[in-house]
Amino acid sequence: MLSFLPKNPNDIMNELKTKFKIRRKSLKLSQKELSKKADVSLGSLKRFEQIGLISLESLLKISFVLGCLGDFDGVCENKEKFESMEDIIMKDKFK
């Protein structure tokens, strides 16, 4: 992929499956062990590591076991940009 192009969902799926597999292996967990600890079917875990498809619930369970659940905290967070302190103060007044 060219680095100046925005990522699409398929790019992100491929990156995630690779990162999760690397994380699992770095913790010396087999797929079977992770599957059992996360209460996710072995088939679901294998499918995720092969093609990137998994339910959100299963992804979060696996993330918990691998110690990276907190990485989801910032997903879809409103990242407002302010021009000045006055903008921040005015925003807080209208909450």
PDB file of N, CA and C in Angstrom:
ATOM      1  N   MET A   1       0.841  -1.181   0.000  1.00  0.00           N
ATOM      2  CA  MET A   1       0.000   0.000   0.000  1.00  0.00           C
ATOM      3  C   MET A   1       0.889   1.248   0.000  1.00  0.00           C
ATOM      4  N   LEU A   2       0.474   2.234  -0.744  1.00  0.00           N
ATOM      5  CA  LEU A   2       1.194   3.496  -0.767  1.00  0.00           C
ATOM      6  C   LEU A   2       0.886   4.257   0.510  1.00  0.00           C
ATOM      7  N   SER A   3       1.906   4.751   1.178  1.00  0.00           N
ATOM      8  CA  SER A   3       1.729   5.330   2.512  1.00  0.00           C
ATOM      9  C   SER A   3       0.913   6.617   2.527  1.00  0.00           C
ATOM     10  N   PHE A   4       0.777   7.287   1.397  1.00  0.00           N
ATOM     11  CA  PHE A   4       0.018   8.534   1.385  1.00  0.00           C
ATOM     12  C   PHE A   4      -1.477   8.307   1.176  1.00  0.00           C
ATOM     13  N   LEU A   5      -1.877   7.092   0.871  1.00  0.00           N
ATOM     14  CA  LEU A   5      -3.298   6.787   0.697  1.00  0.00           C
ATOM     15  C   LEU A   5      -3.906   6.414   2.045  1.00  0.00           C
ATOM     16  N   PRO A   6      -5.155   6.809   2.284  1.00  0.00           N
ATOM     17  CA  PRO A   6      -5.788   6.425   3.553  1.00  0.00           C
ATOM     18  C   PRO A   6      -6.023   4.916   3.603  1.00  0.00           C
ATOM     19  N   LYS A   7      -5.981   4.374   4.795  1.00  0.00           N
ATOM     20  CA  LYS A   7      -6.233   2.943   4.961  1.00  0.00           C
ATOM     21  C   LYS A   7      -7.709   2.655   4.760  1.00  0.00           C
ATOM     22  N   ASN A   8      -7.993   1.500   4.208  1.00  0.00           N
ATOM     23  CA  ASN A   8      -9.380   1.059   4.077  1.00  0.00           C
ATOM     24  C   ASN A   8      -9.616  -0.064   5.093  1.00  0.00           C
ATOM     25  N   PRO A   9     -10.870  -0.478   5.288  1.00  0.00           N
ATOM     26  CA  PRO A   9     -11.150  -1.514   6.294  1.00  0.00           C
ATOM     27  C   PRO A   9     -10.336  -2.795   6.103  1.00  0.00           C
ATOM     28  N   ASN A  10     -10.116  -3.185   4.861  1.00  0.00           N
ATOM     29  CA  ASN A  10      -9.352  -4.408   4.611  1.00  0.00           C
ATOM     30  C   ASN A  10      -7.895  -4.259   5.058  1.00  0.00           C
ATOM     31  N   ASP A  11      -7.323  -3.082   4.825  1.00  0.00           N
ATOM     32  CA  ASP A  11      -5.951  -2.821   5.283  1.00  0.00           C
ATOM     33  C   ASP A  11      -5.854  -2.952   6.800  1.00  0.00           C
ATOM     34  N   ILE A  12      -6.825  -2.377   7.492  1.00  0.00           N
ATOM     35  CA  ILE A  12      -6.816  -2.395   8.958  1.00  0.00           C
ATOM     36  C   ILE A  12      -7.018  -3.820   9.480  1.00  0.00           C
ATOM     37  N   MET A  13      -7.921  -4.582   8.839  1.00  0.00           N
ATOM     38  CA  MET A  13      -8.126  -5.980   9.230  1.00  0.00           C
ATOM     39  C   MET A  13      -6.823  -6.764   9.109  1.00  0.00           C
ATOM     40  N   ASN A  14      -6.124  -6.565   8.000  1.00  0.00           N
ATOM     41  CA  ASN A  14      -4.864  -7.285   7.785  1.00  0.00           C
ATOM     42  C   ASN A  14      -3.807  -6.892   8.802  1.00  0.00           C
ATOM     43  N   GLU A  15      -3.742  -5.617   9.142  1.00  0.00           N
ATOM     44  CA  GLU A  15      -2.789  -5.166  10.154  1.00  0.00           C
ATOM     45  C   GLU A  15      -3.125  -5.750  11.522  1.00  0.00           C
ATOM     46  N   LEU A  16      -4.414  -5.730  11.868  1.00  0.00           N
ATOM     47  CA  LEU A  16      -4.833  -6.238  13.176  1.00  0.00           C
ATOM     48  C   LEU A  16      -4.552  -7.727  13.324  1.00  0.00           C
ATOM     49  N   LYS A  17      -4.891  -8.512  12.310  1.00  0.00           N
ATOM     50  CA  LYS A  17      -4.676  -9.960  12.421  1.00  0.00           C
ATOM     51  C   LYS A  17      -3.198 -10.257  12.629  1.00  0.00           C
ATOM     52  N   THR A  18      -2.346  -9.509  11.949  1.00  0.00           N
ATOM     53  CA  THR A  18      -0.904  -9.713  12.085  1.00  0.00           C
ATOM     54  C   THR A  18      -0.421  -9.294  13.471  1.00  0.00           C
ATOM     55  N   LYS A  19      -0.866  -8.131  13.940  1.00  0.00           N
ATOM     56  CA  LYS A  19      -0.448  -7.646  15.260  1.00  0.00           C
ATOM     57  C   LYS A  19      -0.900  -8.588  16.372  1.00  0.00           C
ATOM     58  N   PHE A  20      -2.126  -9.089  16.273  1.00  0.00           N
ATOM     59  CA  PHE A  20      -2.637  -9.977  17.311  1.00  0.00           C
ATOM     60  C   PHE A  20      -1.896 -11.310  17.315  1.00  0.00           C
ATOM     61  N   LYS A  21      -1.567 -11.816  16.138  1.00  0.00           N
ATOM     62  CA  LYS A  21      -0.827 -13.071  16.051  1.00  0.00           C
ATOM     63  C   LYS A  21       0.572 -12.905  16.645  1.00  0.00           C
ATOM     64  N   ILE A  22       1.218 -11.798  16.326  1.00  0.00           N
ATOM     65  CA  ILE A  22       2.546 -11.518  16.880  1.00  0.00           C
ATOM     66  C   ILE A  22       2.469 -11.401  18.398  1.00  0.00           C
ATOM     67  N   ARG A  23       1.442 -10.708  18.895  1.00  0.00           N
ATOM     68  CA  ARG A  23       1.276 -10.535  20.346  1.00  0.00           C
ATOM     69  C   ARG A  23       1.064 -11.884  21.028  1.00  0.00           C
ATOM     70  N   ARG A  24       0.211 -12.720  20.432  1.00  0.00           N
ATOM     71  CA  ARG A  24      -0.055 -14.052  20.990  1.00  0.00           C
ATOM     72  C   ARG A  24       1.245 -14.857  21.084  1.00  0.00           C
ATOM     73  N   LYS A  25       2.002 -14.840  20.007  1.00  0.00           N
ATOM     74  CA  LYS A  25       3.249 -15.608  19.977  1.00  0.00           C
ATOM     75  C   LYS A  25       4.281 -15.043  20.951  1.00  0.00           C
ATOM     76  N   SER A  26       4.313 -13.723  21.105  1.00  0.00           N
ATOM     77  CA  SER A  26       5.281 -13.121  22.037  1.00  0.00           C
ATOM     78  C   SER A  26       4.976 -13.520  23.480  1.00  0.00           C
ATOM     79  N   LEU A  27       3.714 -13.827  23.753  1.00  0.00           N
ATOM     80  CA  LEU A  27       3.311 -14.287  25.081  1.00  0.00           C
ATOM     81  C   LEU A  27       3.386 -15.811  25.204  1.00  0.00           C
ATOM     82  N   LYS A  28       3.901 -16.444  24.134  1.00  0.00           N
ATOM     83  CA  LYS A  28       4.090 -17.896  24.091  1.00  0.00           C
ATOM     84  C   LYS A  28       2.790 -18.666  24.322  1.00  0.00           C
ATOM     85  N   LEU A  29       1.716 -18.157  23.712  1.00  0.00           N
ATOM     86  CA  LEU A  29       0.418 -18.831  23.786  1.00  0.00           C
ATOM     87  C   LEU A  29       0.127 -19.507  22.455  1.00  0.00           C
ATOM     88  N   SER A  30      -0.333 -20.736  22.518  1.00  0.00           N
ATOM     89  CA  SER A  30      -0.809 -21.394  21.307  1.00  0.00           C
ATOM     90  C   SER A  30      -2.204 -20.859  20.985  1.00  0.00           C
ATOM     91  N   GLN A  31      -2.661 -21.115  19.797  1.00  0.00           N
ATOM     92  CA  GLN A  31      -4.022 -20.703  19.455  1.00  0.00           C
ATOM     93  C   GLN A  31      -5.019 -21.383  20.394  1.00  0.00           C
ATOM     94  N   LYS A  32      -4.791 -22.632  20.678  1.00  0.00           N
ATOM     95  CA  LYS A  32      -5.698 -23.383  21.553  1.00  0.00           C
ATOM     96  C   LYS A  32      -5.734 -22.778  22.957  1.00  0.00           C
ATOM     97  N   GLU A  33      -4.554 -22.410  23.491  1.00  0.00           N
ATOM     98  CA  GLU A  33      -4.501 -21.811  24.828  1.00  0.00           C
ATOM     99  C   GLU A  33      -5.214 -20.463  24.861  1.00  0.00           C
ATOM    100  N   LEU A  34      -4.961 -19.626  23.871  1.00  0.00           N
ATOM    101  CA  LEU A  34      -5.620 -18.327  23.836  1.00  0.00           C
ATOM    102  C   LEU A  34      -7.118 -18.483  23.687  1.00  0.00           C
ATOM    103  N   SER A  35      -7.515 -19.396  22.828  1.00  0.00           N
ATOM    104  CA  SER A  35      -8.940 -19.659  22.621  1.00  0.00           C
ATOM    105  C   SER A  35      -9.628 -20.014  23.931  1.00  0.00           C
ATOM    106  N   LYS A  36      -8.997 -20.890  24.694  1.00  0.00           N
ATOM    107  CA  LYS A  36      -9.576 -21.327  25.973  1.00  0.00           C
ATOM    108  C   LYS A  36      -9.608 -20.185  26.987  1.00  0.00           C
ATOM    109  N   LYS A  37      -8.491 -19.460  27.130  1.00  0.00           N
ATOM    110  CA  LYS A  37      -8.421 -18.370  28.103  1.00  0.00           C
ATOM    111  C   LYS A  37      -9.406 -17.251  27.775  1.00  0.00           C
ATOM    112  N   ALA A  38      -9.614 -16.986  26.486  1.00  0.00           N
ATOM    113  CA  ALA A  38     -10.496 -15.889  26.069  1.00  0.00           C
ATOM    114  C   ALA A  38     -11.946 -16.328  25.926  1.00  0.00           C
ATOM    115  N   ASP A  39     -12.206 -17.622  26.052  1.00  0.00           N
ATOM    116  CA  ASP A  39     -13.557 -18.165  25.848  1.00  0.00           C
ATOM    117  C   ASP A  39     -14.079 -17.807  24.451  1.00  0.00           C
ATOM    118  N   VAL A  40     -13.205 -18.031  23.475  1.00  0.00           N
ATOM    119  CA  VAL A  40     -13.521 -17.797  22.057  1.00  0.00           C
ATOM    120  C   VAL A  40     -13.243 -19.113  21.346  1.00  0.00           C
ATOM    121  N   SER A  41     -14.109 -19.504  20.439  1.00  0.00           N
ATOM    122  CA  SER A  41     -13.895 -20.777  19.762  1.00  0.00           C
ATOM    123  C   SER A  41     -12.572 -20.773  19.003  1.00  0.00           C
ATOM    124  N   LEU A  42     -11.951 -21.936  18.957  1.00  0.00           N
ATOM    125  CA  LEU A  42     -10.686 -22.073  18.248  1.00  0.00           C
ATOM    126  C   LEU A  42     -10.864 -21.730  16.771  1.00  0.00           C
ATOM    127  N   GLY A  43     -11.998 -22.095  16.209  1.00  0.00           N
ATOM    128  CA  GLY A  43     -12.284 -21.780  14.808  1.00  0.00           C
ATOM    129  C   GLY A  43     -12.330 -20.276  14.561  1.00  0.00           C
ATOM    130  N   SER A  44     -12.931 -19.541  15.494  1.00  0.00           N
ATOM    131  CA  SER A  44     -13.006 -18.088  15.358  1.00  0.00           C
ATOM    132  C   SER A  44     -11.615 -17.463  15.412  1.00  0.00           C
ATOM    133  N   LEU A  45     -10.794 -17.946  16.331  1.00  0.00           N
ATOM    134  CA  LEU A  45      -9.433 -17.423  16.460  1.00  0.00           C
ATOM    135  C   LEU A  45      -8.610 -17.724  15.207  1.00  0.00           C
ATOM    136  N   LYS A  46      -8.727 -18.949  14.714  1.00  0.00           N
ATOM    137  CA  LYS A  46      -7.992 -19.326  13.498  1.00  0.00           C
ATOM    138  C   LYS A  46      -8.430 -18.477  12.309  1.00  0.00           C
ATOM    139  N   ARG A  47      -9.738 -18.278  12.167  1.00  0.00           N
ATOM    140  CA  ARG A  47     -10.271 -17.464  11.063  1.00  0.00           C
ATOM    141  C   ARG A  47      -9.744 -16.034  11.165  1.00  0.00           C
ATOM    142  N   PHE A  48      -9.712 -15.503  12.381  1.00  0.00           N
ATOM    143  CA  PHE A  48      -9.203 -14.153  12.586  1.00  0.00           C
ATOM    144  C   PHE A  48      -7.740 -14.057  12.160  1.00  0.00           C
ATOM    145  N   GLU A  49      -6.931 -14.998  12.616  1.00  0.00           N
ATOM    146  CA  GLU A  49      -5.505 -14.944  12.293  1.00  0.00           C
ATOM    147  C   GLU A  49      -5.231 -15.214  10.810  1.00  0.00           C
ATOM    148  N   GLN A  50      -6.134 -15.898  10.147  1.00  0.00           N
ATOM    149  CA  GLN A  50      -5.936 -16.195   8.723  1.00  0.00           C
ATOM    150  C   GLN A  50      -6.469 -15.097   7.812  1.00  0.00           C
ATOM    151  N   ILE A  51      -7.717 -14.671   8.059  1.00  0.00           N
ATOM    152  CA  ILE A  51      -8.325 -13.717   7.122  1.00  0.00           C
ATOM    153  C   ILE A  51      -8.808 -12.422   7.769  1.00  0.00           C
ATOM    154  N   GLY A  52      -8.691 -12.320   9.092  1.00  0.00           N
ATOM    155  CA  GLY A  52      -9.025 -11.064   9.769  1.00  0.00           C
ATOM    156  C   GLY A  52     -10.472 -10.908  10.188  1.00  0.00           C
ATOM    157  N   LEU A  53     -11.289 -11.924   9.996  1.00  0.00           N
ATOM    158  CA  LEU A  53     -12.704 -11.819  10.374  1.00  0.00           C
ATOM    159  C   LEU A  53     -12.942 -12.357  11.778  1.00  0.00           C
ATOM    160  N   ILE A  54     -13.660 -11.553  12.600  1.00  0.00           N
ATOM    161  CA  ILE A  54     -13.978 -11.945  13.967  1.00  0.00           C
ATOM    162  C   ILE A  54     -15.085 -11.034  14.485  1.00  0.00           C
ATOM    163  N   SER A  55     -15.874 -11.530  15.418  1.00  0.00           N
ATOM    164  CA  SER A  55     -16.904 -10.676  16.022  1.00  0.00           C
ATOM    165  C   SER A  55     -16.236  -9.671  16.951  1.00  0.00           C
ATOM    166  N   LEU A  56     -16.903  -8.569  17.176  1.00  0.00           N
ATOM    167  CA  LEU A  56     -16.366  -7.556  18.085  1.00  0.00           C
ATOM    168  C   LEU A  56     -16.207  -8.130  19.491  1.00  0.00           C
ATOM    169  N   GLU A  57     -17.192  -8.877  19.946  1.00  0.00           N
ATOM    170  CA  GLU A  57     -17.117  -9.467  21.285  1.00  0.00           C
ATOM    171  C   GLU A  57     -15.884 -10.364  21.420  1.00  0.00           C
ATOM    172  N   SER A  58     -15.650 -11.209  20.435  1.00  0.00           N
ATOM    173  CA  SER A  58     -14.495 -12.104  20.478  1.00  0.00           C
ATOM    174  C   SER A  58     -13.188 -11.323  20.415  1.00  0.00           C
ATOM    175  N   LEU A  59     -13.146 -10.289  19.603  1.00  0.00           N
ATOM    176  CA  LEU A  59     -11.944  -9.463  19.504  1.00  0.00           C
ATOM    177  C   LEU A  59     -11.625  -8.814  20.849  1.00  0.00           C
ATOM    178  N   LEU A  60     -12.643  -8.340  21.528  1.00  0.00           N
ATOM    179  CA  LEU A  60     -12.436  -7.708  22.831  1.00  0.00           C
ATOM    180  C   LEU A  60     -11.998  -8.723  23.884  1.00  0.00           C
ATOM    181  N   LYS A  61     -12.553  -9.923  23.840  1.00  0.00           N
ATOM    182  CA  LYS A  61     -12.140 -10.968  24.784  1.00  0.00           C
ATOM    183  C   LYS A  61     -10.672 -11.335  24.567  1.00  0.00           C
ATOM    184  N   ILE A  62     -10.279 -11.485  23.323  1.00  0.00           N
ATOM    185  CA  ILE A  62      -8.890 -11.812  23.002  1.00  0.00           C
ATOM    186  C   ILE A  62      -7.983 -10.669  23.437  1.00  0.00           C
ATOM    187  N   SER A  63      -8.419  -9.442  23.188  1.00  0.00           N
ATOM    188  CA  SER A  63      -7.641  -8.267  23.583  1.00  0.00           C
ATOM    189  C   SER A  63      -7.414  -8.235  25.084  1.00  0.00           C
ATOM    190  N   PHE A  64      -8.429  -8.609  25.842  1.00  0.00           N
ATOM    191  CA  PHE A  64      -8.317  -8.633  27.301  1.00  0.00           C
ATOM    192  C   PHE A  64      -7.231  -9.609  27.736  1.00  0.00           C
ATOM    193  N   VAL A  65      -7.274 -10.813  27.183  1.00  0.00           N
ATOM    194  CA  VAL A  65      -6.295 -11.836  27.548  1.00  0.00           C
ATOM    195  C   VAL A  65      -4.887 -11.424  27.117  1.00  0.00           C
ATOM    196  N   LEU A  66      -4.764 -10.779  25.976  1.00  0.00           N
ATOM    197  CA  LEU A  66      -3.452 -10.371  25.477  1.00  0.00           C
ATOM    198  C   LEU A  66      -2.963  -9.064  26.095  1.00  0.00           C
ATOM    199  N   GLY A  67      -3.787  -8.465  26.959  1.00  0.00           N
ATOM    200  CA  GLY A  67      -3.373  -7.264  27.670  1.00  0.00           C
ATOM    201  C   GLY A  67      -3.399  -5.997  26.843  1.00  0.00           C
ATOM    202  N   CYS A  68      -4.252  -5.972  25.836  1.00  0.00           N
ATOM    203  CA  CYS A  68      -4.313  -4.764  25.004  1.00  0.00           C
ATOM    204  C   CYS A  68      -5.744  -4.229  24.857  1.00  0.00           C
ATOM    205  N   LEU A  69      -6.612  -4.588  25.786  1.00  0.00           N
ATOM    206  CA  LEU A  69      -7.997  -4.106  25.735  1.00  0.00           C
ATOM    207  C   LEU A  69      -8.058  -2.583  25.838  1.00  0.00           C
ATOM    208  N   GLY A  70      -7.185  -1.997  26.627  1.00  0.00           N
ATOM    209  CA  GLY A  70      -7.163  -0.547  26.804  1.00  0.00           C
ATOM    210  C   GLY A  70      -6.885   0.209  25.515  1.00  0.00           C
ATOM    211  N   ASP A  71      -6.305  -0.451  24.526  1.00  0.00           N
ATOM    212  CA  ASP A  71      -6.033   0.203  23.242  1.00  0.00           C
ATOM    213  C   ASP A  71      -7.318   0.632  22.541  1.00  0.00           C
ATOM    214  N   PHE A  72      -8.450   0.062  22.942  1.00  0.00           N
ATOM    215  CA  PHE A  72      -9.726   0.401  22.310  1.00  0.00           C
ATOM    216  C   PHE A  72     -10.368   1.640  22.936  1.00  0.00           C
ATOM    217  N   ASP A  73      -9.806   2.133  24.038  1.00  0.00           N
ATOM    218  CA  ASP A  73     -10.393   3.283  24.738  1.00  0.00           C
ATOM    219  C   ASP A  73     -10.547   4.512  23.851  1.00  0.00           C
ATOM    220  N   GLY A  74      -9.618   4.753  22.972  1.00  0.00           N
ATOM    221  CA  GLY A  74      -9.657   5.963  22.156  1.00  0.00           C
ATOM    222  C   GLY A  74     -10.397   5.821  20.836  1.00  0.00           C
ATOM    223  N   VAL A  75     -10.927   4.628  20.557  1.00  0.00           N
ATOM    224  CA  VAL A  75     -11.608   4.411  19.281  1.00  0.00           C
ATOM    225  C   VAL A  75     -12.868   5.269  19.202  1.00  0.00           C
ATOM    226  N   CYS A  76     -12.997   5.979  18.139  1.00  0.00           N
ATOM    227  CA  CYS A  76     -14.169   6.803  17.829  1.00  0.00           C
ATOM    228  C   CYS A  76     -14.365   7.952  18.813  1.00  0.00           C
ATOM    229  N   GLU A  77     -13.305   8.330  19.478  1.00  0.00           N
ATOM    230  CA  GLU A  77     -13.355   9.441  20.409  1.00  0.00           C
ATOM    231  C   GLU A  77     -13.422  10.753  19.626  1.00  0.00           C
ATOM    232  N   ASN A  78     -14.184  11.681  20.130  1.00  0.00           N
ATOM    233  CA  ASN A  78     -14.274  12.986  19.488  1.00  0.00           C
ATOM    234  C   ASN A  78     -12.986  13.747  19.764  1.00  0.00           C
ATOM    235  N   LYS A  79     -12.218  13.957  18.735  1.00  0.00           N
ATOM    236  CA  LYS A  79     -10.924  14.630  18.898  1.00  0.00           C
ATOM    237  C   LYS A  79     -11.034  16.051  18.364  1.00  0.00           C
ATOM    238  N   GLU A  80     -11.620  16.887  19.190  1.00  0.00           N
ATOM    239  CA  GLU A  80     -11.812  18.279  18.786  1.00  0.00           C
ATOM    240  C   GLU A  80     -10.493  19.031  18.804  1.00  0.00           C
ATOM    241  N   LYS A  81     -10.383  19.933  17.873  1.00  0.00           N
ATOM    242  CA  LYS A  81      -9.212  20.801  17.835  1.00  0.00           C
ATOM    243  C   LYS A  81      -9.671  22.215  18.143  1.00  0.00           C
ATOM    244  N   PHE A  82      -8.964  22.849  19.040  1.00  0.00           N
ATOM    245  CA  PHE A  82      -9.320  24.196  19.456  1.00  0.00           C
ATOM    246  C   PHE A  82      -8.266  25.178  18.953  1.00  0.00           C
ATOM    247  N   GLU A  83      -8.735  26.341  18.601  1.00  0.00           N
ATOM    248  CA  GLU A  83      -7.842  27.393  18.123  1.00  0.00           C
ATOM    249  C   GLU A  83      -7.261  28.205  19.277  1.00  0.00           C
ATOM    250  N   SER A  84      -8.018  28.281  20.380  1.00  0.00           N
ATOM    251  CA  SER A  84      -7.563  29.105  21.494  1.00  0.00           C
ATOM    252  C   SER A  84      -8.162  28.594  22.805  1.00  0.00           C
ATOM    253  N   MET A  85      -7.668  29.122  23.915  1.00  0.00           N
ATOM    254  CA  MET A  85      -8.228  28.795  25.228  1.00  0.00           C
ATOM    255  C   MET A  85      -9.674  29.277  25.316  1.00  0.00           C
ATOM    256  N   GLU A  86      -9.974  30.370  24.673  1.00  0.00           N
ATOM    257  CA  GLU A  86     -11.346  30.894  24.683  1.00  0.00           C
ATOM    258  C   GLU A  86     -12.302  29.884  24.060  1.00  0.00           C
ATOM    259  N   ASP A  87     -11.890  29.213  23.008  1.00  0.00           N
ATOM    260  CA  ASP A  87     -12.731  28.182  22.385  1.00  0.00           C
ATOM    261  C   ASP A  87     -13.033  27.060  23.368  1.00  0.00           C
ATOM    262  N   ILE A  88     -12.036  26.659  24.147  1.00  0.00           N
ATOM    263  CA  ILE A  88     -12.213  25.589  25.132  1.00  0.00           C
ATOM    264  C   ILE A  88     -13.173  26.039  26.222  1.00  0.00           C
ATOM    265  N   ILE A  89     -12.997  27.261  26.707  1.00  0.00           N
ATOM    266  CA  ILE A  89     -13.855  27.801  27.760  1.00  0.00           C
ATOM    267  C   ILE A  89     -15.292  27.908  27.273  1.00  0.00           C
ATOM    268  N   MET A  90     -15.480  28.383  26.064  1.00  0.00           N
ATOM    269  CA  MET A  90     -16.838  28.542  25.517  1.00  0.00           C
ATOM    270  C   MET A  90     -17.499  27.174  25.344  1.00  0.00           C
ATOM    271  N   LYS A  91     -16.759  26.186  24.923  1.00  0.00           N
ATOM    272  CA  LYS A  91     -17.304  24.847  24.754  1.00  0.00           C
ATOM    273  C   LYS A  91     -17.780  24.305  26.100  1.00  0.00           C
ATOM    274  N   ASP A  92     -16.959  24.489  27.146  1.00  0.00           N
ATOM    275  CA  ASP A  92     -17.324  23.997  28.483  1.00  0.00           C
ATOM    276  C   ASP A  92     -18.562  24.701  29.037  1.00  0.00           C
ATOM    277  N   LYS A  93     -18.788  25.959  28.666  1.00  0.00           N
ATOM    278  CA  LYS A  93     -19.945  26.701  29.158  1.00  0.00           C
ATOM    279  C   LYS A  93     -21.247  26.133  28.606  1.00  0.00           C
ATOM    280  N   PHE A  94     -21.203  25.507  27.425  1.00  0.00           N
ATOM    281  CA  PHE A  94     -22.422  25.053  26.783  1.00  0.00           C
ATOM    282  C   PHE A  94     -22.619  23.554  26.882  1.00  0.00           C
ATOM    283  N   LYS A  95     -21.970  22.923  27.851  1.00  0.00           N
ATOM    284  CA  LYS A  95     -22.153  21.483  28.073  1.00  0.00           C
ATOM    285  C   LYS A  95     -23.478  21.212  28.730  1.00  0.00           C
TER     286      LYS A  95
END
